[in-house]
Amino acid sequence: MGELSNRVGAEPGKRPYNPPEMADLAEIRKMIEGALPGAVVEVVDETGGGDHLRAVVAAPQFEGLSRLDQHRLVKAAVKERFDDGTIHALSVKTALPG
């Protein structure tokens, strides 16, 4: 039986690798909108694999912030999905509404 578990990628005494689920784009959008009320958010899958995403976000909360701080706000909103491996990469474009 030990040989079988090695065949499916598990070392003896270790759990097999289970790749993360693909990101739910609507969930990611809602996470950003929840963190930045009033934001207009678009999230797209850049590669078709569900783990490399692009977010375009226009939010009033960006007023007076550097571009870097704007991006930090967006990425902080979806940190949970980075931490659980659902998202591997997120490119961000930010702007003020209007």
C-alpha atoms as a PDB file:
ATOM      1  CA  MET A   1       0.000   0.000   0.000  1.00  0.00           C
ATOM      2  CA  GLY A   2       2.942   2.352   0.624  1.00  0.00           C
ATOM      3  CA  GLU A   3       3.856   2.108  -3.052  1.00  0.00           C
ATOM      4  CA  LEU A   4       0.396   3.250  -4.096  1.00  0.00           C
ATOM      5  CA  SER A   5       0.529   6.383  -1.953  1.00  0.00           C
ATOM      6  CA  ASN A   6       3.913   7.206  -3.491  1.00  0.00           C
ATOM      7  CA  ARG A   7       2.375   6.875  -6.937  1.00  0.00           C
ATOM      8  CA  VAL A   8      -0.231   9.527  -6.180  1.00  0.00           C
ATOM      9  CA  GLY A   9       2.358  11.976  -4.938  1.00  0.00           C
ATOM     10  CA  ALA A  10       2.357  11.347  -1.206  1.00  0.00           C
ATOM     11  CA  GLU A  11       5.495  10.535   0.712  1.00  0.00           C
ATOM     12  CA  PRO A  12       5.015   8.053   3.523  1.00  0.00           C
ATOM     13  CA  GLY A  13       3.627   9.934   6.506  1.00  0.00           C
ATOM     14  CA  LYS A  14       2.773  13.036   4.466  1.00  0.00           C
ATOM     15  CA  ARG A  15      -0.459  14.203   2.879  1.00  0.00           C
ATOM     16  CA  PRO A  16      -0.652  14.191  -0.929  1.00  0.00           C
ATOM     17  CA  TYR A  17      -0.579  17.535  -2.709  1.00  0.00           C
ATOM     18  CA  ASN A  18      -4.067  18.798  -3.527  1.00  0.00           C
ATOM     19  CA  PRO A  19      -3.991  21.706  -5.952  1.00  0.00           C
ATOM     20  CA  PRO A  20      -6.158  24.659  -4.908  1.00  0.00           C
ATOM     21  CA  GLU A  21      -9.514  25.295  -6.496  1.00  0.00           C
ATOM     22  CA  MET A  22      -9.787  27.841  -9.287  1.00  0.00           C
ATOM     23  CA  ALA A  23     -10.637  31.319  -8.101  1.00  0.00           C
ATOM     24  CA  ASP A  24     -14.279  32.308  -8.187  1.00  0.00           C
ATOM     25  CA  LEU A  25     -14.070  35.644 -10.002  1.00  0.00           C
ATOM     26  CA  ALA A  26     -17.393  36.855  -8.582  1.00  0.00           C
ATOM     27  CA  GLU A  27     -16.186  36.066  -5.055  1.00  0.00           C
ATOM     28  CA  ILE A  28     -12.926  37.961  -5.624  1.00  0.00           C
ATOM     29  CA  ARG A  29     -14.882  40.944  -6.984  1.00  0.00           C
ATOM     30  CA  LYS A  30     -17.202  40.890  -3.953  1.00  0.00           C
ATOM     31  CA  MET A  31     -14.236  40.703  -1.564  1.00  0.00           C
ATOM     32  CA  ILE A  32     -12.745  43.838  -3.129  1.00  0.00           C
ATOM     33  CA  GLU A  33     -16.116  45.630  -3.186  1.00  0.00           C
ATOM     34  CA  GLY A  34     -16.646  44.706   0.470  1.00  0.00           C
ATOM     35  CA  ALA A  35     -13.287  46.164   1.458  1.00  0.00           C
ATOM     36  CA  LEU A  36     -13.759  49.262  -0.715  1.00  0.00           C
ATOM     37  CA  PRO A  37     -17.451  50.265  -0.595  1.00  0.00           C
ATOM     38  CA  GLY A  38     -18.500  52.208  -3.671  1.00  0.00           C
ATOM     39  CA  ALA A  39     -15.716  50.754  -5.799  1.00  0.00           C
ATOM     40  CA  VAL A  40     -16.250  49.719  -9.389  1.00  0.00           C
ATOM     41  CA  VAL A  41     -14.421  46.410  -9.811  1.00  0.00           C
ATOM     42  CA  GLU A  42     -13.637  44.172 -12.770  1.00  0.00           C
ATOM     43  CA  VAL A  43     -11.785  40.878 -12.260  1.00  0.00           C
ATOM     44  CA  VAL A  44     -10.600  38.714 -15.153  1.00  0.00           C
ATOM     45  CA  ASP A  45      -8.701  35.439 -15.391  1.00  0.00           C
ATOM     46  CA  GLU A  46      -5.560  36.230 -17.389  1.00  0.00           C
ATOM     47  CA  THR A  47      -4.442  32.670 -18.153  1.00  0.00           C
ATOM     48  CA  GLY A  48      -7.545  30.483 -18.022  1.00  0.00           C
ATOM     49  CA  GLY A  49      -6.133  28.576 -15.054  1.00  0.00           C
ATOM     50  CA  GLY A  50      -7.985  30.607 -12.459  1.00  0.00           C
ATOM     51  CA  ASP A  51      -4.937  31.522 -10.393  1.00  0.00           C
ATOM     52  CA  HIS A  52      -3.463  34.472 -12.327  1.00  0.00           C
ATOM     53  CA  LEU A  53      -5.974  37.306 -12.185  1.00  0.00           C
ATOM     54  CA  ARG A  54      -6.214  40.975 -13.124  1.00  0.00           C
ATOM     55  CA  ALA A  55      -8.312  43.455 -11.162  1.00  0.00           C
ATOM     56  CA  VAL A  56      -9.270  46.905 -12.408  1.00  0.00           C
ATOM     57  CA  VAL A  57     -10.571  48.951  -9.495  1.00  0.00           C
ATOM     58  CA  ALA A  58     -11.870  52.514  -9.312  1.00  0.00           C
ATOM     59  CA  ALA A  59     -12.538  53.547  -5.715  1.00  0.00           C
ATOM     60  CA  PRO A  60     -13.034  56.815  -3.830  1.00  0.00           C
ATOM     61  CA  GLN A  61     -10.806  55.419  -1.046  1.00  0.00           C
ATOM     62  CA  PHE A  62      -7.816  55.874  -3.367  1.00  0.00           C
ATOM     63  CA  GLU A  63      -8.000  59.685  -3.084  1.00  0.00           C
ATOM     64  CA  GLY A  64      -4.660  60.999  -1.826  1.00  0.00           C
ATOM     65  CA  LEU A  65      -2.978  57.575  -1.780  1.00  0.00           C
ATOM     66  CA  SER A  66       0.099  56.569  -3.730  1.00  0.00           C
ATOM     67  CA  ARG A  67      -0.353  53.963  -6.444  1.00  0.00           C
ATOM     68  CA  LEU A  68       1.496  51.474  -4.243  1.00  0.00           C
ATOM     69  CA  ASP A  69      -0.884  52.079  -1.324  1.00  0.00           C
ATOM     70  CA  GLN A  70      -3.882  51.732  -3.652  1.00  0.00           C
ATOM     71  CA  HIS A  71      -2.601  48.350  -4.810  1.00  0.00           C
ATOM     72  CA  ARG A  72      -1.960  47.293  -1.215  1.00  0.00           C
ATOM     73  CA  LEU A  73      -5.603  47.995  -0.345  1.00  0.00           C
ATOM     74  CA  VAL A  74      -6.807  45.814  -3.215  1.00  0.00           C
ATOM     75  CA  LYS A  75      -4.438  42.949  -2.433  1.00  0.00           C
ATOM     76  CA  ALA A  76      -5.271  43.125   1.285  1.00  0.00           C
ATOM     77  CA  ALA A  77      -8.936  42.624   0.359  1.00  0.00           C
ATOM     78  CA  VAL A  78      -8.150  39.221  -1.183  1.00  0.00           C
ATOM     79  CA  LYS A  79      -5.307  38.169   1.137  1.00  0.00           C
ATOM     80  CA  GLU A  80      -7.286  35.139   2.270  1.00  0.00           C
ATOM     81  CA  ARG A  81      -7.247  33.765  -1.302  1.00  0.00           C
ATOM     82  CA  PHE A  82      -3.482  34.324  -1.600  1.00  0.00           C
ATOM     83  CA  ASP A  83      -2.971  32.589   1.741  1.00  0.00           C
ATOM     84  CA  ASP A  84      -5.011  29.517   0.790  1.00  0.00           C
ATOM     85  CA  GLY A  85      -3.324  29.267  -2.629  1.00  0.00           C
ATOM     86  CA  THR A  86      -6.415  29.983  -4.704  1.00  0.00           C
ATOM     87  CA  ILE A  87      -4.723  33.051  -6.205  1.00  0.00           C
ATOM     88  CA  HIS A  88      -1.092  32.852  -7.255  1.00  0.00           C
ATOM     89  CA  ALA A  89      -0.820  36.248  -8.943  1.00  0.00           C
ATOM     90  CA  LEU A  90      -2.973  39.367  -9.116  1.00  0.00           C
ATOM     91  CA  SER A  91      -2.127  42.284 -11.366  1.00  0.00           C
ATOM     92  CA  VAL A  92      -3.872  45.464 -10.291  1.00  0.00           C
ATOM     93  CA  LYS A  93      -4.854  48.654 -12.083  1.00  0.00           C
ATOM     94  CA  THR A  94      -6.349  51.365  -9.907  1.00  0.00           C
ATOM     95  CA  ALA A  95      -7.985  54.730 -10.508  1.00  0.00           C
ATOM     96  CA  LEU A  96     -10.261  57.267  -8.917  1.00  0.00           C
ATOM     97  CA  PRO A  97     -13.903  57.057 -10.014  1.00  0.00           C
ATOM     98  CA  GLY A  98     -15.087  59.375 -12.727  1.00  0.00           C
END
